[in-house]
Amino acid sequence: MTQANNKEESNRVLFKNMVPINEIAAHVPYTPKTVRNWRAKGLYPWIFIKFGGRVFIDLNEIQKIIDEQKMKARKDAKRFDLN
């Protein structure tokens, strides 16, 4: 394997769970506009990675955010007897 192929394979592994912001709606229940607003406001900075002039989102990290929000909603529903 050449050095260029090694680098390409390394990038593929690095970006396996990364998608550009404009493709986020195909993977999670948020629009690109929502995710751009998060970035502009400095929310969840660890999910954003800028590479080659493009901003990518870590799908693993955004899934953790979704799971946390669901858990909080369940707790709130129990607290207010909304179940």
C-alpha atoms as a PDB file:
ATOM      1  CA  MET A   1       0.000   0.000   0.000  1.00  0.00           C
ATOM      2  CA  THR A   2       1.363   3.410  -0.901  1.00  0.00           C
ATOM      3  CA  GLN A   3       1.638   6.310   1.489  1.00  0.00           C
ATOM      4  CA  ALA A   4      -1.257   8.085  -0.270  1.00  0.00           C
ATOM      5  CA  ASN A   5      -3.470   5.008   0.137  1.00  0.00           C
ATOM      6  CA  ASN A   6      -2.535   4.749   3.830  1.00  0.00           C
ATOM      7  CA  LYS A   7      -3.504   8.379   4.377  1.00  0.00           C
ATOM      8  CA  GLU A   8      -6.781   7.906   2.499  1.00  0.00           C
ATOM      9  CA  GLU A   9      -7.619   4.820   4.569  1.00  0.00           C
ATOM     10  CA  SER A  10      -6.739   6.686   7.763  1.00  0.00           C
ATOM     11  CA  ASN A  11      -9.061   9.561   6.793  1.00  0.00           C
ATOM     12  CA  ARG A  12     -11.836   7.101   5.939  1.00  0.00           C
ATOM     13  CA  VAL A  13     -11.606   5.559   9.417  1.00  0.00           C
ATOM     14  CA  LEU A  14     -11.415   8.988  11.064  1.00  0.00           C
ATOM     15  CA  PHE A  15     -14.500  10.207   9.220  1.00  0.00           C
ATOM     16  CA  LYS A  16     -16.499   6.972   9.375  1.00  0.00           C
ATOM     17  CA  ASN A  17     -19.130   8.494  11.669  1.00  0.00           C
ATOM     18  CA  MET A  18     -18.831  12.046  10.388  1.00  0.00           C
ATOM     19  CA  VAL A  19     -21.231  13.795   8.021  1.00  0.00           C
ATOM     20  CA  PRO A  20     -21.290  17.316   6.631  1.00  0.00           C
ATOM     21  CA  ILE A  21     -23.837  19.626   8.242  1.00  0.00           C
ATOM     22  CA  ASN A  22     -25.953  19.772   5.075  1.00  0.00           C
ATOM     23  CA  GLU A  23     -26.481  15.974   5.275  1.00  0.00           C
ATOM     24  CA  ILE A  24     -27.371  15.799   8.975  1.00  0.00           C
ATOM     25  CA  ALA A  25     -31.161  15.564   8.486  1.00  0.00           C
ATOM     26  CA  ALA A  26     -30.744  12.160   6.821  1.00  0.00           C
ATOM     27  CA  HIS A  27     -29.262  10.783  10.052  1.00  0.00           C
ATOM     28  CA  VAL A  28     -30.864  12.569  13.005  1.00  0.00           C
ATOM     29  CA  PRO A  29     -34.078  14.536  13.711  1.00  0.00           C
ATOM     30  CA  TYR A  30     -32.434  17.954  13.362  1.00  0.00           C
ATOM     31  CA  THR A  31     -32.239  20.265  10.387  1.00  0.00           C
ATOM     32  CA  PRO A  32     -28.957  21.691   9.092  1.00  0.00           C
ATOM     33  CA  LYS A  33     -30.179  25.130  10.217  1.00  0.00           C
ATOM     34  CA  THR A  34     -30.603  23.912  13.804  1.00  0.00           C
ATOM     35  CA  VAL A  35     -27.120  22.415  13.846  1.00  0.00           C
ATOM     36  CA  ARG A  36     -25.622  25.580  12.337  1.00  0.00           C
ATOM     37  CA  ASN A  37     -27.371  27.599  15.071  1.00  0.00           C
ATOM     38  CA  TRP A  38     -25.827  25.338  17.716  1.00  0.00           C
ATOM     39  CA  ARG A  39     -22.395  25.959  16.233  1.00  0.00           C
ATOM     40  CA  ALA A  40     -22.929  29.730  16.033  1.00  0.00           C
ATOM     41  CA  LYS A  41     -24.042  29.802  19.681  1.00  0.00           C
ATOM     42  CA  GLY A  42     -21.173  27.600  20.824  1.00  0.00           C
ATOM     43  CA  LEU A  43     -23.432  24.720  21.886  1.00  0.00           C
ATOM     44  CA  TYR A  44     -21.975  21.193  21.833  1.00  0.00           C
ATOM     45  CA  PRO A  45     -18.606  22.287  20.384  1.00  0.00           C
ATOM     46  CA  TRP A  46     -17.210  18.742  20.663  1.00  0.00           C
ATOM     47  CA  ILE A  47     -19.504  17.439  17.883  1.00  0.00           C
ATOM     48  CA  PHE A  48     -18.071  19.760  15.214  1.00  0.00           C
ATOM     49  CA  ILE A  49     -14.892  19.100  13.266  1.00  0.00           C
ATOM     50  CA  LYS A  50     -13.644  21.383  10.532  1.00  0.00           C
ATOM     51  CA  PHE A  51     -11.629  19.651   7.845  1.00  0.00           C
ATOM     52  CA  GLY A  52     -10.678  20.921   4.411  1.00  0.00           C
ATOM     53  CA  GLY A  53     -12.907  23.978   4.694  1.00  0.00           C
ATOM     54  CA  ARG A  54     -15.992  21.898   5.559  1.00  0.00           C
ATOM     55  CA  VAL A  55     -17.631  21.337   8.919  1.00  0.00           C
ATOM     56  CA  PHE A  56     -18.524  17.778   9.855  1.00  0.00           C
ATOM     57  CA  ILE A  57     -20.700  16.419  12.655  1.00  0.00           C
ATOM     58  CA  ASP A  58     -19.774  13.389  14.746  1.00  0.00           C
ATOM     59  CA  LEU A  59     -22.860  11.146  14.577  1.00  0.00           C
ATOM     60  CA  ASN A  60     -21.845   9.214  17.692  1.00  0.00           C
ATOM     61  CA  GLU A  61     -21.722  12.398  19.751  1.00  0.00           C
ATOM     62  CA  ILE A  62     -24.975  13.807  18.398  1.00  0.00           C
ATOM     63  CA  GLN A  63     -26.672  10.485  19.179  1.00  0.00           C
ATOM     64  CA  LYS A  64     -25.537  10.884  22.797  1.00  0.00           C
ATOM     65  CA  ILE A  65     -27.184  14.316  22.852  1.00  0.00           C
ATOM     66  CA  ILE A  66     -30.422  12.846  21.479  1.00  0.00           C
ATOM     67  CA  ASP A  67     -30.372  10.084  24.093  1.00  0.00           C
ATOM     68  CA  GLU A  68     -29.791  12.606  26.904  1.00  0.00           C
ATOM     69  CA  GLN A  69     -32.678  14.770  25.666  1.00  0.00           C
ATOM     70  CA  LYS A  70     -35.005  11.745  25.523  1.00  0.00           C
ATOM     71  CA  MET A  71     -34.057  10.741  29.058  1.00  0.00           C
ATOM     72  CA  LYS A  72     -34.665  14.275  30.324  1.00  0.00           C
ATOM     73  CA  ALA A  73     -38.063  14.379  28.587  1.00  0.00           C
ATOM     74  CA  ARG A  74     -39.027  11.072  30.225  1.00  0.00           C
ATOM     75  CA  LYS A  75     -38.008  12.375  33.662  1.00  0.00           C
ATOM     76  CA  ASP A  76     -39.975  15.585  33.104  1.00  0.00           C
ATOM     77  CA  ALA A  77     -43.017  13.607  31.955  1.00  0.00           C
ATOM     78  CA  LYS A  78     -42.885  11.467  35.104  1.00  0.00           C
ATOM     79  CA  ARG A  79     -42.449  14.515  37.300  1.00  0.00           C
ATOM     80  CA  PHE A  80     -45.572  16.124  35.830  1.00  0.00           C
ATOM     81  CA  ASP A  81     -47.496  12.825  35.516  1.00  0.00           C
ATOM     82  CA  LEU A  82     -47.683  13.119  31.738  1.00  0.00           C
ATOM     83  CA  ASN A  83     -47.160   9.392  31.059  1.00  0.00           C
END
